[in-house]
Structure formats: structure tokens, C-alpha cells
Amino acid sequence: MAILPLGQATQYPDQYDPSVLFPIPRSENRLKLNIQSNQALPFVGVDIWNAYELSWLNPKGKPQIALAEFQIPADSPNMIESKSFKLYLNSLNSARFKNEEDVRERLIADLSAVAGSKISTRINPPELISKKGMQEMSGVLMDRLDIEIDPNLPADPSLLEVNDSFGPIEQCLVTHLLKSNCPVTGQPDWASVQIRYQGRPILEEGLLRYLIGFRQLGEFHEHCVETIFCDIKRQCKPDKLSVYARYTRRGGLDINPFRTDHNSPWPENIRHARQ
């Protein structure tokens, strides 16, 4: 892999520069999950990015500010490295655009070229986002469990078990205790995760212990969610499964991957308290 801009001393661009965008092939991390590049993915999904520091100039040179939402398909060949994404967005600060739609079209063209697949974006005024407010993930909160655990133990998929005494159920489980580390800088990445499934009841204590085991893992957000999805699917064999994580922002960006194996609607992009 080429040298990532993340973790490197970087000169912030003072003019529009899409060349700073850096692709990361998804196939490299998926090989760790035994997903070959020539086989069908065991899930569909989307990576929802929120940018809180989008700005550009109007034709008169007056700065404009907005928030932007980006949706990158999970089946795109590449992820976009987060620091390069931030550098790219900052390169727009001194660029003039005739209107907001011109900005949106430029974002779609540049980001789609790097992701290798068509992305979608929406530009929102800050007042619209503030009206939506905040909303916590729905579901049974596993953080209520009073468990004793060694937080330094790595995630162990064998902890994922089901209760065979009960028939299939539909359940939604949530924890705010997911933490992993940036694979380049080692900085902590915090997230809340929501797991919806239909199948034999998953034992909550084992699932929570498994998820806490990500604390020492150095991996990208998207791959953490795909690992969780694949481990639960393999160990618990639910009939239907969706995994959604909302990460806290860093550098004006947050990343919220969603993976599912059935015809489930994409989750609503509503911030929670830590975002």
C-alpha cells in the first residue's frame, strides 16, 4: 500500500485540489475475512460520512458554510482515507462556485472517481440539522450488564453464542462501548453500534464481551463493522442481520458504516449525543 497521508505532516492546500484524495482498496481488508475479490459480498451497505466544516466562496468571494452528508456504497472498490478527505474539503475553502448545486456536482464527481463507484451527497444548512436535533440508537442497551472483563483481551468470536432453548426472535441490541484504534496513528476511535437480527437469541453478555475486545484493535471503521457482521453471521447464524456503527467525529468528519444481508432500508442519519 502507498504511504497514507494520515499520520504524516501535511501542508494544507490553499487552492482546490482533488488530487489529495487517497483511495484505500476494500479488498485488502476483506481478504482478512476470507472474502475474495472475485466472490459476491455477504452483505450490502453504505458508509455514511458527515462533514461539519464544508465551506466555499460564492461568485462575489463571500464565504459560504454548510454541512454535507456523503453516502459511499459498500460495494465500491475503494474507501477514501479520512485525512485526505479532510484535506480535499479544506481545498474548497478558497474555490469559487456559482451556486450550491455546482459544489454538489463537483463533490460527486471527485469522490466518485476515487471511490470507483457513484457516491451521493446532500448539502444542508446548519439550521436544518439543528432542527433535527439528536436521537440515540433504538434497541436494548447491553451496557446495563454488570460484567467483569479484562479490557485488554482481543475480540474473540467464540464468545458469540445463541440460546438454543428459544425459537427465532427479532431483536435489536445496542452498545456505546465500541472502541478501536486508527491503524496508522493509533488514535482511539469511539462508536455506538446497533445490531438488528432475526434468529435464535444471541447471548448479550458474550456479545458485549466480544465488542469490548475491539479496544486494542488497529483497524478502519468500515472494516470493524464488516468484521462484526461476518463474525456474528458465522457464529450465530441469524436468518437476517444488520450492523450499524456511528463513530464520533475527528477532524470535522464522522464515518458511520452500515452492513446488512437483507432488504433493509438504509438507517436514518441522525446524530447522537456524542456526535
Protein backbone atom coordinates (compact mmCIF):
# COMPACT_ATOMS: atom_id res chain seq x y z
CA MET A 1 0.00 0.00 0.00
CA ALA A 2 1.22 3.51 -0.76
CA ILE A 3 2.08 5.81 2.13
CA LEU A 4 -1.10 7.14 3.69
CA PRO A 5 -1.39 10.88 4.34
CA LEU A 6 -2.86 10.02 7.75
CA GLY A 7 -0.22 10.46 10.42
CA GLN A 8 2.10 12.44 8.16
CA ALA A 9 3.00 16.12 8.46
CA THR A 10 0.85 17.67 5.76
CA GLN A 11 0.64 21.04 4.05
CA TYR A 12 -2.99 22.04 3.84
CA PRO A 13 -3.89 23.06 0.27
CA ASP A 14 -4.66 26.74 -0.29
CA GLN A 15 -6.49 26.08 -3.54
CA TYR A 16 -8.90 23.48 -4.90
CA ASP A 17 -7.04 20.17 -5.29
CA PRO A 18 -8.88 16.84 -5.79
CA SER A 19 -5.52 15.07 -6.23
CA VAL A 20 -5.12 14.94 -2.42
CA LEU A 21 -7.89 12.31 -2.18
CA PHE A 22 -6.38 8.93 -1.33
CA PRO A 23 -8.14 5.61 -2.11
CA ILE A 24 -7.81 2.52 0.07
CA PRO A 25 -8.84 -0.72 -1.70
CA ARG A 26 -11.51 -2.53 0.29
CA SER A 27 -10.25 -5.88 -0.99
CA GLU A 28 -7.13 -5.76 1.19
CA ASN A 29 -9.07 -5.80 4.46
CA ARG A 30 -11.74 -8.16 3.16
CA LEU A 31 -9.14 -10.82 2.49
CA LYS A 32 -8.73 -10.99 6.29
CA LEU A 33 -12.39 -12.02 6.40
CA ASN A 34 -11.83 -14.66 3.70
CA ILE A 35 -13.80 -12.60 1.20
CA GLN A 36 -12.08 -12.98 -2.15
CA SER A 37 -12.21 -10.17 -4.69
CA ASN A 38 -13.94 -12.43 -7.22
CA GLN A 39 -16.77 -13.58 -4.95
CA ALA A 40 -20.06 -11.95 -4.00
CA LEU A 41 -20.06 -9.94 -0.82
CA PRO A 42 -22.01 -11.46 2.10
CA PHE A 43 -23.63 -8.07 2.73
CA VAL A 44 -24.76 -4.85 1.14
CA GLY A 45 -24.47 -1.48 2.75
CA VAL A 46 -23.26 2.07 2.80
CA ASP A 47 -20.74 4.28 4.56
CA ILE A 48 -22.43 7.50 5.69
CA TRP A 49 -19.98 10.37 6.15
CA ASN A 50 -20.90 13.70 7.72
CA ALA A 51 -18.74 16.77 7.10
CA TYR A 52 -19.15 19.64 9.56
CA GLU A 53 -16.58 22.04 8.08
CA LEU A 54 -17.64 22.44 4.45
CA SER A 55 -17.03 25.93 3.03
CA TRP A 56 -16.53 27.58 -0.36
CA LEU A 57 -16.73 31.05 -1.95
CA ASN A 58 -19.65 32.41 -3.94
CA PRO A 59 -19.00 34.34 -7.21
CA LYS A 60 -18.51 37.54 -5.20
CA GLY A 61 -15.88 35.92 -2.97
CA LYS A 62 -18.12 35.69 0.09
CA PRO A 63 -17.53 32.51 2.17
CA GLN A 64 -20.40 30.05 2.34
CA ILE A 65 -20.74 27.37 5.03
CA ALA A 66 -22.78 24.18 5.17
CA LEU A 67 -22.83 20.63 6.43
CA ALA A 68 -22.64 17.75 3.99
CA GLU A 69 -23.71 14.12 4.04
CA PHE A 70 -21.96 11.61 1.78
CA GLN A 71 -23.07 8.05 1.05
CA ILE A 72 -20.39 5.72 -0.32
CA PRO A 73 -21.65 2.27 -1.39
CA ALA A 74 -20.12 -0.68 0.46
CA ASP A 75 -19.51 -2.40 -2.87
CA SER A 76 -17.36 0.44 -4.18
CA PRO A 77 -13.81 -0.77 -4.92
CA ASN A 78 -12.24 1.81 -2.59
CA MET A 79 -12.73 3.54 0.71
CA ILE A 80 -11.49 7.13 0.97
CA GLU A 81 -8.78 7.76 3.54
CA SER A 82 -10.17 10.16 6.13
CA LYS A 83 -7.36 12.71 6.36
CA SER A 84 -7.19 13.01 2.58
CA PHE A 85 -10.96 13.58 2.63
CA LYS A 86 -10.47 16.43 5.11
CA LEU A 87 -7.64 17.94 3.04
CA TYR A 88 -9.83 17.80 -0.05
CA LEU A 89 -12.75 19.51 1.67
CA ASN A 90 -10.44 22.22 3.00
CA SER A 91 -9.14 22.79 -0.52
CA LEU A 92 -12.62 24.05 -1.41
CA ASN A 93 -12.36 26.92 1.10
CA SER A 94 -10.83 29.31 -1.45
CA ALA A 95 -12.60 27.99 -4.55
CA ARG A 96 -15.42 29.97 -6.18
CA PHE A 97 -18.62 28.23 -7.27
CA LYS A 98 -21.62 29.77 -8.95
CA ASN A 99 -24.08 28.09 -6.58
CA GLU A 100 -24.59 25.22 -4.14
CA GLU A 101 -25.58 22.78 -6.89
CA ASP A 102 -22.26 23.44 -8.61
CA VAL A 103 -20.49 22.48 -5.36
CA ARG A 104 -22.56 19.33 -5.04
CA GLU A 105 -21.83 18.20 -8.59
CA ARG A 106 -18.12 18.77 -8.07
CA LEU A 107 -18.14 16.75 -4.84
CA ILE A 108 -19.95 13.85 -6.51
CA ALA A 109 -17.58 13.81 -9.49
CA ASP A 110 -14.37 13.96 -7.46
CA LEU A 111 -15.35 11.49 -4.74
CA SER A 112 -16.93 9.01 -7.16
CA ALA A 113 -13.71 8.95 -9.18
CA VAL A 114 -11.68 7.99 -6.10
CA ALA A 115 -14.21 5.52 -4.65
CA GLY A 116 -14.55 3.85 -8.05
CA SER A 117 -18.34 3.95 -7.77
CA LYS A 118 -21.05 6.61 -7.84
CA ILE A 119 -21.48 8.28 -4.48
CA SER A 120 -24.32 10.55 -3.42
CA THR A 121 -24.20 13.70 -1.37
CA ARG A 122 -26.51 16.23 0.21
CA ILE A 123 -25.57 19.74 1.33
CA ASN A 124 -27.52 21.04 4.32
CA PRO A 125 -27.60 24.44 6.01
CA PRO A 126 -26.63 24.24 9.72
CA GLU A 127 -30.08 25.41 10.83
CA LEU A 128 -31.72 22.41 9.15
CA ILE A 129 -29.50 19.97 11.07
CA SER A 130 -30.12 21.76 14.36
CA LYS A 131 -33.88 21.40 13.85
CA LYS A 132 -33.50 17.64 13.56
CA GLY A 133 -31.86 17.52 16.98
CA MET A 134 -30.21 14.41 18.37
CA GLN A 135 -31.52 10.91 18.83
CA GLU A 136 -29.98 7.87 20.45
CA MET A 137 -29.98 4.50 18.71
CA SER A 138 -33.05 2.41 19.48
CA GLY A 139 -32.67 -1.06 20.95
CA VAL A 140 -31.90 -2.98 24.14
CA LEU A 141 -28.87 -1.34 25.78
CA MET A 142 -26.30 -4.00 26.64
CA ASP A 143 -24.25 -1.51 28.68
CA ARG A 144 -26.61 -2.19 31.60
CA LEU A 145 -24.95 -5.59 32.10
CA ASP A 146 -22.76 -5.69 35.22
CA ILE A 147 -19.95 -7.86 33.87
CA GLU A 148 -16.36 -8.33 34.94
CA ILE A 149 -13.98 -8.27 31.99
CA ASP A 150 -10.35 -7.91 31.03
CA PRO A 151 -10.50 -4.94 28.62
CA ASN A 152 -7.11 -5.86 27.14
CA LEU A 153 -8.26 -9.20 25.72
CA PRO A 154 -8.74 -9.15 21.92
CA ALA A 155 -12.15 -9.74 20.34
CA ASP A 156 -12.89 -13.46 20.46
CA PRO A 157 -15.62 -14.66 18.08
CA SER A 158 -16.10 -17.81 20.17
CA LEU A 159 -17.84 -15.58 22.73
CA LEU A 160 -20.71 -15.20 20.27
CA GLU A 161 -23.34 -17.77 21.19
CA VAL A 162 -27.10 -18.21 20.92
CA ASN A 163 -29.71 -19.59 23.29
CA ASP A 164 -30.92 -22.80 21.63
CA SER A 165 -33.78 -23.11 24.13
CA PHE A 166 -35.77 -20.46 22.30
CA GLY A 167 -37.06 -20.20 18.78
CA PRO A 168 -36.21 -17.39 16.37
CA ILE A 169 -36.88 -13.84 17.54
CA GLU A 170 -36.39 -10.35 16.16
CA GLN A 171 -34.17 -8.23 18.36
CA CYS A 172 -32.17 -5.01 18.31
CA LEU A 173 -29.15 -4.68 20.62
CA VAL A 174 -27.11 -1.52 21.23
CA THR A 175 -23.86 -0.60 22.97
CA HIS A 176 -21.95 2.66 23.27
CA LEU A 177 -18.76 0.87 24.31
CA LEU A 178 -17.25 0.10 20.92
CA LYS A 179 -13.73 1.44 20.62
CA SER A 180 -10.99 0.66 18.12
CA ASN A 181 -7.81 2.45 17.14
CA CYS A 182 -6.67 4.13 13.94
CA PRO A 183 -4.35 1.62 12.21
CA VAL A 184 -1.98 4.42 11.21
CA THR A 185 -1.86 6.91 14.10
CA GLY A 186 -3.06 4.71 16.96
CA GLN A 187 -5.60 7.35 18.00
CA PRO A 188 -8.80 5.98 19.57
CA ASP A 189 -11.99 5.75 17.54
CA TRP A 190 -15.19 5.68 19.60
CA ALA A 191 -18.55 4.45 18.38
CA SER A 192 -22.02 3.28 19.24
CA VAL A 193 -23.15 0.13 17.47
CA GLN A 194 -26.62 -1.24 16.75
CA ILE A 195 -27.18 -4.89 15.88
CA ARG A 196 -30.54 -5.98 14.46
CA TYR A 197 -31.18 -9.63 13.76
CA GLN A 198 -33.77 -12.31 13.28
CA GLY A 199 -32.84 -15.74 14.61
CA ARG A 200 -32.02 -17.60 17.80
CA PRO A 201 -31.47 -15.16 20.70
CA ILE A 202 -27.87 -14.00 20.86
CA LEU A 203 -26.47 -14.12 24.38
CA GLU A 204 -25.96 -10.48 25.29
CA GLU A 205 -23.10 -10.95 27.76
CA GLY A 206 -20.96 -12.80 25.22
CA LEU A 207 -21.78 -10.24 22.51
CA LEU A 208 -20.82 -7.33 24.77
CA ARG A 209 -17.55 -9.02 25.77
CA TYR A 210 -16.77 -9.61 22.11
CA LEU A 211 -17.40 -6.00 21.16
CA ILE A 212 -15.33 -4.63 24.04
CA GLY A 213 -12.50 -6.78 22.67
CA PHE A 214 -12.08 -4.31 19.79
CA ARG A 215 -10.46 -1.83 22.20
CA GLN A 216 -6.92 -2.76 21.19
CA LEU A 217 -7.61 -3.41 17.50
CA GLY A 218 -6.00 -1.10 14.98
CA GLU A 219 -8.41 -1.05 12.06
CA PHE A 220 -10.50 1.26 9.90
CA HIS A 221 -14.12 1.94 10.89
CA GLU A 222 -15.54 0.21 7.83
CA HIS A 223 -13.55 -2.96 8.40
CA CYS A 224 -14.51 -3.12 12.10
CA VAL A 225 -18.18 -3.17 11.14
CA GLU A 226 -17.62 -5.80 8.44
CA THR A 227 -15.69 -7.95 10.93
CA ILE A 228 -18.52 -7.71 13.46
CA PHE A 229 -21.06 -8.59 10.77
CA CYS A 230 -19.11 -11.60 9.48
CA ASP A 231 -18.30 -12.96 12.96
CA ILE A 232 -21.93 -12.77 14.12
CA LYS A 233 -23.19 -14.29 10.89
CA ARG A 234 -20.74 -17.17 11.09
CA GLN A 235 -21.04 -17.91 14.83
CA CYS A 236 -24.74 -17.20 15.47
CA LYS A 237 -26.20 -17.92 12.03
CA PRO A 238 -29.08 -15.42 12.18
CA ASP A 239 -31.61 -15.51 9.35
CA LYS A 240 -31.27 -11.74 8.96
CA LEU A 241 -28.59 -9.40 10.24
CA SER A 242 -27.78 -5.68 10.14
CA VAL A 243 -24.86 -3.93 11.85
CA TYR A 244 -24.68 -0.13 12.09
CA ALA A 245 -21.99 1.90 13.84
CA ARG A 246 -21.92 5.64 14.41
CA TYR A 247 -18.40 6.89 15.16
CA THR A 248 -17.57 10.15 16.88
CA ARG A 249 -16.11 12.77 14.60
CA ARG A 250 -12.45 13.53 14.11
CA GLY A 251 -11.16 16.45 12.04
CA GLY A 252 -14.67 17.63 11.22
CA LEU A 253 -15.75 14.24 9.80
CA ASP A 254 -17.61 11.26 11.18
CA ILE A 255 -17.98 7.87 9.47
CA ASN A 256 -21.00 5.64 10.02
CA PRO A 257 -20.82 2.23 8.27
CA PHE A 258 -23.92 0.08 7.78
CA ARG A 259 -23.96 -3.55 6.59
CA THR A 260 -26.95 -5.85 6.10
CA ASP A 261 -27.77 -9.14 4.38
CA HIS A 262 -31.41 -8.45 3.54
CA ASN A 263 -33.63 -5.81 2.01
CA SER A 264 -33.33 -3.39 4.89
CA PRO A 265 -33.66 0.37 4.38
CA TRP A 266 -30.53 2.43 4.96
CA PRO A 267 -30.57 3.84 8.50
CA GLU A 268 -31.59 7.41 9.15
CA ASN A 269 -28.61 9.72 9.51
CA ILE A 270 -29.41 11.27 12.90
CA ARG A 271 -26.63 12.32 15.26
CA HIS A 272 -26.50 11.03 18.82
CA ALA A 273 -25.20 12.89 21.87
CA ARG A 274 -21.52 12.06 21.38
CA GLN A 275 -21.53 13.25 17.78
